Amino acid sequence: MAYTWSPALETGHPMIDSQHKELIKAINDLLAACQQGVAKDKISTVVDFLLSYTKKHFGEEEVLQQQSHYPDIANHKALHAGFVKFVTDLAAELKKEGPSPTIINKIIRGCGDWLVQHIQKEDTKVAANIKAMAGAKK
C-alpha cells in the first residue's frame, strides 16, 4: 500500500504542503523497502531519514505556530512528540528485528494513516490560523 498526495491533503500553506509531500514519500519509501525485503542497513537508512525529516518538519511547523499565535499549540506539539516517539521506537524495532508483517502494519497505521489524519484534522487548522493572522496584519 502506498500513499498518494491529493488535494484532500493540501493545507494551503506552501512550505507545510511541500514538507508533507516529503514525509509521505519517506513513508512510501519505508514501506517499499520493507515489502521488498531489502537489507536491514537500507531499511535503517530509510527509517533514519523519516525520523530526521519528521523532526525537521515538526520543528519548522511549530515555529510557524508560535509566530501566528496558534491557540492549540500545546496540544499540537504533544501530538508531534507522540509521533516522534512512535517513529523512534519503530526505528529501533526495525533495526533489531527487520521487516515483518507486524512492522509493516505499524508503518501503515502508525505512520501513514496517522500522518494523513493529522494533516486533515490538525494541520489544516494551523494553516488556516497562519493565513488569518497574515491577513490581520495587512
N, C-alpha and C. Protein backbone atom coordinates (compact mmCIF):
# COMPACT_ATOMS: atom_id res chain seq x y z
N MET A 1 0.84 -1.18 0.00
CA MET A 1 0.00 0.00 0.00
C MET A 1 0.88 1.24 0.00
N ALA A 2 0.62 2.12 -0.92
CA ALA A 2 1.37 3.38 -0.97
C ALA A 2 0.38 4.53 -0.78
N TYR A 3 0.88 5.60 -0.23
CA TYR A 3 0.07 6.80 -0.02
C TYR A 3 0.29 7.74 -1.21
N THR A 4 -0.79 8.36 -1.64
CA THR A 4 -0.74 9.26 -2.78
C THR A 4 -1.14 10.65 -2.33
N TRP A 5 -0.34 11.63 -2.72
CA TRP A 5 -0.67 13.02 -2.42
C TRP A 5 -1.91 13.41 -3.22
N SER A 6 -2.82 14.09 -2.58
CA SER A 6 -4.03 14.53 -3.27
C SER A 6 -4.44 15.90 -2.73
N PRO A 7 -5.33 16.58 -3.45
CA PRO A 7 -5.80 17.87 -2.96
C PRO A 7 -6.44 17.79 -1.57
N ALA A 8 -6.93 16.63 -1.19
CA ALA A 8 -7.52 16.47 0.15
C ALA A 8 -6.49 16.64 1.26
N LEU A 9 -5.20 16.55 0.91
CA LEU A 9 -4.14 16.69 1.90
C LEU A 9 -3.52 18.09 1.91
N GLU A 10 -3.96 18.94 1.02
CA GLU A 10 -3.39 20.29 0.96
C GLU A 10 -3.92 21.15 2.08
N THR A 11 -2.98 21.84 2.74
CA THR A 11 -3.37 22.76 3.80
C THR A 11 -3.51 24.18 3.26
N GLY A 12 -2.88 24.43 2.12
CA GLY A 12 -2.89 25.77 1.56
C GLY A 12 -1.65 26.57 1.92
N HIS A 13 -0.79 25.99 2.75
CA HIS A 13 0.47 26.66 3.10
C HIS A 13 1.59 25.96 2.32
N PRO A 14 2.28 26.69 1.41
CA PRO A 14 3.26 26.05 0.52
C PRO A 14 4.36 25.26 1.23
N MET A 15 4.95 25.81 2.28
CA MET A 15 6.04 25.10 2.96
C MET A 15 5.51 23.84 3.65
N ILE A 16 4.40 23.97 4.35
CA ILE A 16 3.84 22.82 5.05
C ILE A 16 3.48 21.73 4.05
N ASP A 17 2.82 22.10 2.96
CA ASP A 17 2.42 21.11 1.96
C ASP A 17 3.64 20.44 1.32
N SER A 18 4.66 21.21 1.02
CA SER A 18 5.87 20.66 0.43
C SER A 18 6.52 19.63 1.36
N GLN A 19 6.59 19.98 2.63
CA GLN A 19 7.19 19.06 3.60
C GLN A 19 6.31 17.83 3.84
N HIS A 20 5.00 18.02 3.80
CA HIS A 20 4.11 16.86 3.93
C HIS A 20 4.33 15.89 2.77
N LYS A 21 4.52 16.41 1.57
CA LYS A 21 4.79 15.55 0.41
C LYS A 21 6.06 14.73 0.65
N GLU A 22 7.08 15.34 1.22
CA GLU A 22 8.32 14.63 1.52
C GLU A 22 8.10 13.55 2.57
N LEU A 23 7.28 13.85 3.58
CA LEU A 23 7.00 12.85 4.61
C LEU A 23 6.24 11.65 4.02
N ILE A 24 5.29 11.92 3.16
CA ILE A 24 4.54 10.84 2.51
C ILE A 24 5.49 10.00 1.66
N LYS A 25 6.39 10.66 0.94
CA LYS A 25 7.37 9.94 0.13
C LYS A 25 8.26 9.07 1.02
N ALA A 26 8.69 9.61 2.17
CA ALA A 26 9.54 8.84 3.08
C ALA A 26 8.80 7.62 3.63
N ILE A 27 7.53 7.78 3.96
CA ILE A 27 6.74 6.65 4.45
C ILE A 27 6.59 5.61 3.34
N ASN A 28 6.30 6.07 2.13
CA ASN A 28 6.20 5.14 0.99
C ASN A 28 7.52 4.42 0.74
N ASP A 29 8.63 5.14 0.84
CA ASP A 29 9.95 4.52 0.66
C ASP A 29 10.20 3.45 1.71
N LEU A 30 9.80 3.74 2.95
CA LEU A 30 9.99 2.77 4.04
C LEU A 30 9.12 1.54 3.81
N LEU A 31 7.88 1.75 3.43
CA LEU A 31 7.00 0.61 3.13
C LEU A 31 7.58 -0.24 2.00
N ALA A 32 8.03 0.41 0.94
CA ALA A 32 8.59 -0.32 -0.21
C ALA A 32 9.82 -1.11 0.20
N ALA A 33 10.69 -0.50 1.00
CA ALA A 33 11.90 -1.20 1.44
C ALA A 33 11.55 -2.42 2.27
N CYS A 34 10.58 -2.29 3.14
CA CYS A 34 10.17 -3.43 3.98
C CYS A 34 9.52 -4.52 3.14
N GLN A 35 8.66 -4.13 2.22
CA GLN A 35 7.95 -5.12 1.40
C GLN A 35 8.86 -5.82 0.41
N GLN A 36 9.92 -5.14 -0.02
CA GLN A 36 10.85 -5.74 -0.98
C GLN A 36 11.90 -6.61 -0.29
N GLY A 37 11.90 -6.56 1.04
CA GLY A 37 12.84 -7.38 1.78
C GLY A 37 14.29 -6.96 1.61
N VAL A 38 14.52 -5.66 1.47
CA VAL A 38 15.91 -5.20 1.34
C VAL A 38 16.65 -5.36 2.66
N ALA A 39 17.94 -5.22 2.61
CA ALA A 39 18.78 -5.42 3.78
C ALA A 39 18.44 -4.45 4.90
N LYS A 40 18.69 -4.91 6.13
CA LYS A 40 18.40 -4.09 7.31
C LYS A 40 19.07 -2.72 7.24
N ASP A 41 20.31 -2.67 6.71
CA ASP A 41 21.01 -1.39 6.68
C ASP A 41 20.32 -0.39 5.76
N LYS A 42 19.74 -0.86 4.66
CA LYS A 42 19.00 0.01 3.74
C LYS A 42 17.72 0.50 4.44
N ILE A 43 17.03 -0.41 5.12
CA ILE A 43 15.83 -0.02 5.85
C ILE A 43 16.19 0.98 6.94
N SER A 44 17.31 0.76 7.61
CA SER A 44 17.78 1.69 8.64
C SER A 44 17.98 3.09 8.08
N THR A 45 18.58 3.16 6.91
CA THR A 45 18.81 4.45 6.26
C THR A 45 17.49 5.16 5.98
N VAL A 46 16.52 4.41 5.48
CA VAL A 46 15.22 4.99 5.13
C VAL A 46 14.48 5.45 6.39
N VAL A 47 14.46 4.62 7.43
CA VAL A 47 13.75 5.00 8.65
C VAL A 47 14.46 6.15 9.36
N ASP A 48 15.78 6.18 9.28
CA ASP A 48 16.53 7.30 9.87
C ASP A 48 16.18 8.61 9.16
N PHE A 49 16.04 8.56 7.83
CA PHE A 49 15.64 9.75 7.09
C PHE A 49 14.24 10.19 7.52
N LEU A 50 13.32 9.24 7.63
CA LEU A 50 11.95 9.56 8.05
C LEU A 50 11.96 10.24 9.42
N LEU A 51 12.71 9.71 10.34
CA LEU A 51 12.78 10.29 11.68
C LEU A 51 13.39 11.69 11.64
N SER A 52 14.48 11.84 10.94
CA SER A 52 15.16 13.12 10.83
C SER A 52 14.26 14.18 10.17
N TYR A 53 13.63 13.79 9.08
CA TYR A 53 12.78 14.74 8.36
C TYR A 53 11.53 15.09 9.16
N THR A 54 11.00 14.11 9.89
CA THR A 54 9.85 14.37 10.75
C THR A 54 10.20 15.43 11.78
N LYS A 55 11.35 15.29 12.43
CA LYS A 55 11.77 16.27 13.44
C LYS A 55 11.97 17.64 12.81
N LYS A 56 12.57 17.69 11.63
CA LYS A 56 12.77 18.96 10.92
C LYS A 56 11.43 19.62 10.63
N HIS A 57 10.52 18.85 10.04
CA HIS A 57 9.21 19.39 9.67
C HIS A 57 8.46 19.88 10.90
N PHE A 58 8.39 19.05 11.93
CA PHE A 58 7.64 19.45 13.13
C PHE A 58 8.24 20.71 13.75
N GLY A 59 9.57 20.79 13.78
CA GLY A 59 10.21 21.99 14.33
C GLY A 59 9.84 23.24 13.56
N GLU A 60 9.90 23.15 12.24
CA GLU A 60 9.57 24.32 11.41
C GLU A 60 8.09 24.66 11.50
N GLU A 61 7.24 23.66 11.56
CA GLU A 61 5.81 23.90 11.68
C GLU A 61 5.48 24.55 13.04
N GLU A 62 6.16 24.11 14.08
CA GLU A 62 5.92 24.68 15.41
C GLU A 62 6.39 26.13 15.49
N VAL A 63 7.44 26.49 14.77
CA VAL A 63 7.86 27.90 14.70
C VAL A 63 6.74 28.73 14.06
N LEU A 64 6.17 28.22 12.98
CA LEU A 64 5.05 28.92 12.34
C LEU A 64 3.87 29.07 13.30
N GLN A 65 3.63 28.05 14.09
CA GLN A 65 2.54 28.11 15.06
C GLN A 65 2.81 29.20 16.11
N GLN A 66 4.04 29.27 16.57
CA GLN A 66 4.40 30.31 17.55
C GLN A 66 4.25 31.69 16.95
N GLN A 67 4.74 31.85 15.73
CA GLN A 67 4.69 33.16 15.07
C GLN A 67 3.26 33.62 14.82
N SER A 68 2.37 32.67 14.57
CA SER A 68 0.98 33.03 14.27
C SER A 68 0.09 32.94 15.51
N HIS A 69 0.70 32.68 16.66
CA HIS A 69 -0.03 32.59 17.93
C HIS A 69 -1.15 31.56 17.85
N TYR A 70 -0.81 30.39 17.32
CA TYR A 70 -1.80 29.32 17.18
C TYR A 70 -2.31 28.93 18.57
N PRO A 71 -3.63 28.99 18.78
CA PRO A 71 -4.17 28.79 20.13
C PRO A 71 -4.04 27.37 20.69
N ASP A 72 -3.89 26.37 19.82
CA ASP A 72 -3.82 24.98 20.28
C ASP A 72 -2.41 24.41 20.16
N ILE A 73 -1.41 25.27 20.28
CA ILE A 73 -0.02 24.86 20.05
C ILE A 73 0.43 23.77 21.02
N ALA A 74 0.03 23.85 22.27
CA ALA A 74 0.49 22.85 23.25
C ALA A 74 0.00 21.45 22.87
N ASN A 75 -1.26 21.34 22.50
CA ASN A 75 -1.81 20.06 22.08
C ASN A 75 -1.12 19.57 20.81
N HIS A 76 -0.91 20.48 19.87
CA HIS A 76 -0.30 20.12 18.60
C HIS A 76 1.13 19.61 18.82
N LYS A 77 1.87 20.28 19.69
CA LYS A 77 3.24 19.84 19.99
C LYS A 77 3.23 18.46 20.65
N ALA A 78 2.24 18.20 21.49
CA ALA A 78 2.13 16.89 22.14
C ALA A 78 1.86 15.80 21.10
N LEU A 79 1.02 16.10 20.11
CA LEU A 79 0.77 15.14 19.03
C LEU A 79 2.06 14.86 18.26
N HIS A 80 2.81 15.91 17.98
CA HIS A 80 4.09 15.75 17.28
C HIS A 80 5.04 14.89 18.11
N ALA A 81 5.14 15.17 19.40
CA ALA A 81 6.05 14.42 20.27
C ALA A 81 5.67 12.94 20.29
N GLY A 82 4.39 12.65 20.31
CA GLY A 82 3.93 11.26 20.30
C GLY A 82 4.32 10.55 19.01
N PHE A 83 4.23 11.25 17.90
CA PHE A 83 4.60 10.66 16.62
C PHE A 83 6.11 10.42 16.55
N VAL A 84 6.89 11.38 17.02
CA VAL A 84 8.35 11.21 17.03
C VAL A 84 8.73 10.00 17.88
N LYS A 85 8.08 9.84 19.03
CA LYS A 85 8.37 8.68 19.88
C LYS A 85 8.00 7.38 19.14
N PHE A 86 6.86 7.38 18.47
CA PHE A 86 6.43 6.20 17.73
C PHE A 86 7.46 5.83 16.67
N VAL A 87 7.91 6.83 15.89
CA VAL A 87 8.88 6.56 14.81
C VAL A 87 10.22 6.13 15.41
N THR A 88 10.61 6.73 16.52
CA THR A 88 11.86 6.34 17.19
C THR A 88 11.80 4.88 17.63
N ASP A 89 10.68 4.49 18.25
CA ASP A 89 10.51 3.10 18.68
C ASP A 89 10.46 2.15 17.48
N LEU A 90 9.79 2.58 16.42
CA LEU A 90 9.69 1.78 15.20
C LEU A 90 11.07 1.57 14.59
N ALA A 91 11.88 2.63 14.57
CA ALA A 91 13.24 2.53 14.03
C ALA A 91 14.05 1.50 14.81
N ALA A 92 13.94 1.55 16.13
CA ALA A 92 14.68 0.59 16.96
C ALA A 92 14.20 -0.83 16.70
N GLU A 93 12.90 -1.01 16.56
CA GLU A 93 12.34 -2.33 16.30
C GLU A 93 12.78 -2.86 14.93
N LEU A 94 12.76 -1.99 13.93
CA LEU A 94 13.20 -2.40 12.59
C LEU A 94 14.67 -2.79 12.58
N LYS A 95 15.49 -2.00 13.27
CA LYS A 95 16.93 -2.29 13.30
C LYS A 95 17.21 -3.60 14.01
N LYS A 96 16.41 -3.90 15.02
CA LYS A 96 16.62 -5.12 15.79
C LYS A 96 16.07 -6.35 15.08
N GLU A 97 14.84 -6.25 14.59
CA GLU A 97 14.15 -7.43 14.08
C GLU A 97 14.03 -7.49 12.56
N GLY A 98 14.20 -6.36 11.89
CA GLY A 98 13.98 -6.34 10.45
C GLY A 98 12.50 -6.26 10.13
N PRO A 99 12.18 -6.19 8.84
CA PRO A 99 10.77 -6.04 8.46
C PRO A 99 9.97 -7.31 8.72
N SER A 100 8.73 -7.12 9.07
CA SER A 100 7.80 -8.23 9.27
C SER A 100 6.41 -7.70 8.95
N PRO A 101 5.44 -8.57 8.77
CA PRO A 101 4.08 -8.09 8.54
C PRO A 101 3.58 -7.18 9.67
N THR A 102 3.97 -7.50 10.90
CA THR A 102 3.55 -6.67 12.04
C THR A 102 4.13 -5.27 11.93
N ILE A 103 5.40 -5.17 11.58
CA ILE A 103 6.04 -3.87 11.45
C ILE A 103 5.47 -3.10 10.26
N ILE A 104 5.22 -3.78 9.17
CA ILE A 104 4.63 -3.10 8.01
C ILE A 104 3.26 -2.54 8.39
N ASN A 105 2.49 -3.30 9.15
CA ASN A 105 1.19 -2.82 9.62
C ASN A 105 1.36 -1.59 10.52
N LYS A 106 2.39 -1.60 11.36
CA LYS A 106 2.65 -0.44 12.23
C LYS A 106 3.01 0.79 11.39
N ILE A 107 3.77 0.59 10.33
CA ILE A 107 4.13 1.71 9.45
C ILE A 107 2.88 2.27 8.80
N ILE A 108 2.01 1.39 8.32
CA ILE A 108 0.79 1.84 7.66
C ILE A 108 -0.10 2.57 8.65
N ARG A 109 -0.41 1.95 9.76
CA ARG A 109 -1.35 2.54 10.71
C ARG A 109 -0.73 3.68 11.53
N GLY A 110 0.47 3.44 12.01
CA GLY A 110 1.09 4.40 12.92
C GLY A 110 1.78 5.56 12.25
N CYS A 111 2.21 5.37 11.01
CA CYS A 111 2.88 6.46 10.28
C CYS A 111 1.98 7.03 9.20
N GLY A 112 1.67 6.23 8.22
CA GLY A 112 0.91 6.72 7.07
C GLY A 112 -0.48 7.20 7.43
N ASP A 113 -1.27 6.33 8.06
CA ASP A 113 -2.64 6.71 8.41
C ASP A 113 -2.63 7.87 9.41
N TRP A 114 -1.70 7.81 10.37
CA TRP A 114 -1.61 8.89 11.36
C TRP A 114 -1.34 10.22 10.66
N LEU A 115 -0.36 10.23 9.75
CA LEU A 115 0.00 11.47 9.08
C LEU A 115 -1.16 12.03 8.27
N VAL A 116 -1.84 11.18 7.52
CA VAL A 116 -2.98 11.64 6.73
C VAL A 116 -4.04 12.26 7.63
N GLN A 117 -4.38 11.59 8.71
CA GLN A 117 -5.39 12.12 9.63
C GLN A 117 -4.91 13.40 10.29
N HIS A 118 -3.65 13.45 10.67
CA HIS A 118 -3.09 14.64 11.32
C HIS A 118 -3.15 15.84 10.37
N ILE A 119 -2.78 15.62 9.13
CA ILE A 119 -2.83 16.71 8.15
C ILE A 119 -4.27 17.21 8.01
N GLN A 120 -5.20 16.29 7.82
CA GLN A 120 -6.58 16.67 7.55
C GLN A 120 -7.28 17.26 8.76
N LYS A 121 -6.96 16.80 9.96
CA LYS A 121 -7.67 17.28 11.16
C LYS A 121 -6.94 18.41 11.87
N GLU A 122 -5.63 18.38 11.90
CA GLU A 122 -4.87 19.33 12.71
C GLU A 122 -4.14 20.39 11.89
N ASP A 123 -3.39 19.94 10.89
CA ASP A 123 -2.55 20.88 10.14
C ASP A 123 -3.36 21.85 9.30
N THR A 124 -4.55 21.46 8.87
CA THR A 124 -5.39 22.40 8.13
C THR A 124 -5.80 23.56 9.04
N LYS A 125 -6.00 23.29 10.33
CA LYS A 125 -6.34 24.36 11.29
C LYS A 125 -5.14 25.28 11.49
N VAL A 126 -3.96 24.71 11.53
CA VAL A 126 -2.74 25.51 11.68
C VAL A 126 -2.58 26.44 10.48
N ALA A 127 -2.70 25.89 9.28
CA ALA A 127 -2.55 26.70 8.06
C ALA A 127 -3.60 27.79 7.99
N ALA A 128 -4.84 27.48 8.39
CA ALA A 128 -5.90 28.49 8.39
C ALA A 128 -5.58 29.60 9.38
N ASN A 129 -5.03 29.24 10.52
CA ASN A 129 -4.65 30.25 11.52
C ASN A 129 -3.52 31.14 11.00
N ILE A 130 -2.53 30.54 10.36
CA ILE A 130 -1.42 31.31 9.79
C ILE A 130 -1.96 32.30 8.76
N LYS A 131 -2.85 31.83 7.90
CA LYS A 131 -3.44 32.68 6.86
C LYS A 131 -4.26 33.81 7.48
N ALA A 132 -5.04 33.48 8.51
CA ALA A 132 -5.87 34.50 9.17
C ALA A 132 -5.00 35.56 9.84
N MET A 133 -3.92 35.12 10.48
CA MET A 133 -3.03 36.08 11.15
C MET A 133 -2.30 36.95 10.13
N ALA A 134 -1.92 36.36 9.01
CA ALA A 134 -1.26 37.14 7.94
C ALA A 134 -2.23 38.17 7.39
N GLY A 135 -3.48 37.79 7.22
CA GLY A 135 -4.49 38.72 6.72
C GLY A 135 -4.79 39.83 7.71
N ALA A 136 -4.72 39.52 8.99
CA ALA A 136 -4.99 40.51 10.02
C ALA A 136 -3.88 41.56 10.12
N LYS A 137 -2.68 41.18 9.70
CA LYS A 137 -1.54 42.10 9.76
C LYS A 137 -1.51 43.08 8.61
N LYS A 138 -2.30 42.81 7.56
CA LYS A 138 -2.28 43.68 6.37
C LYS A 138 -3.04 44.96 6.61
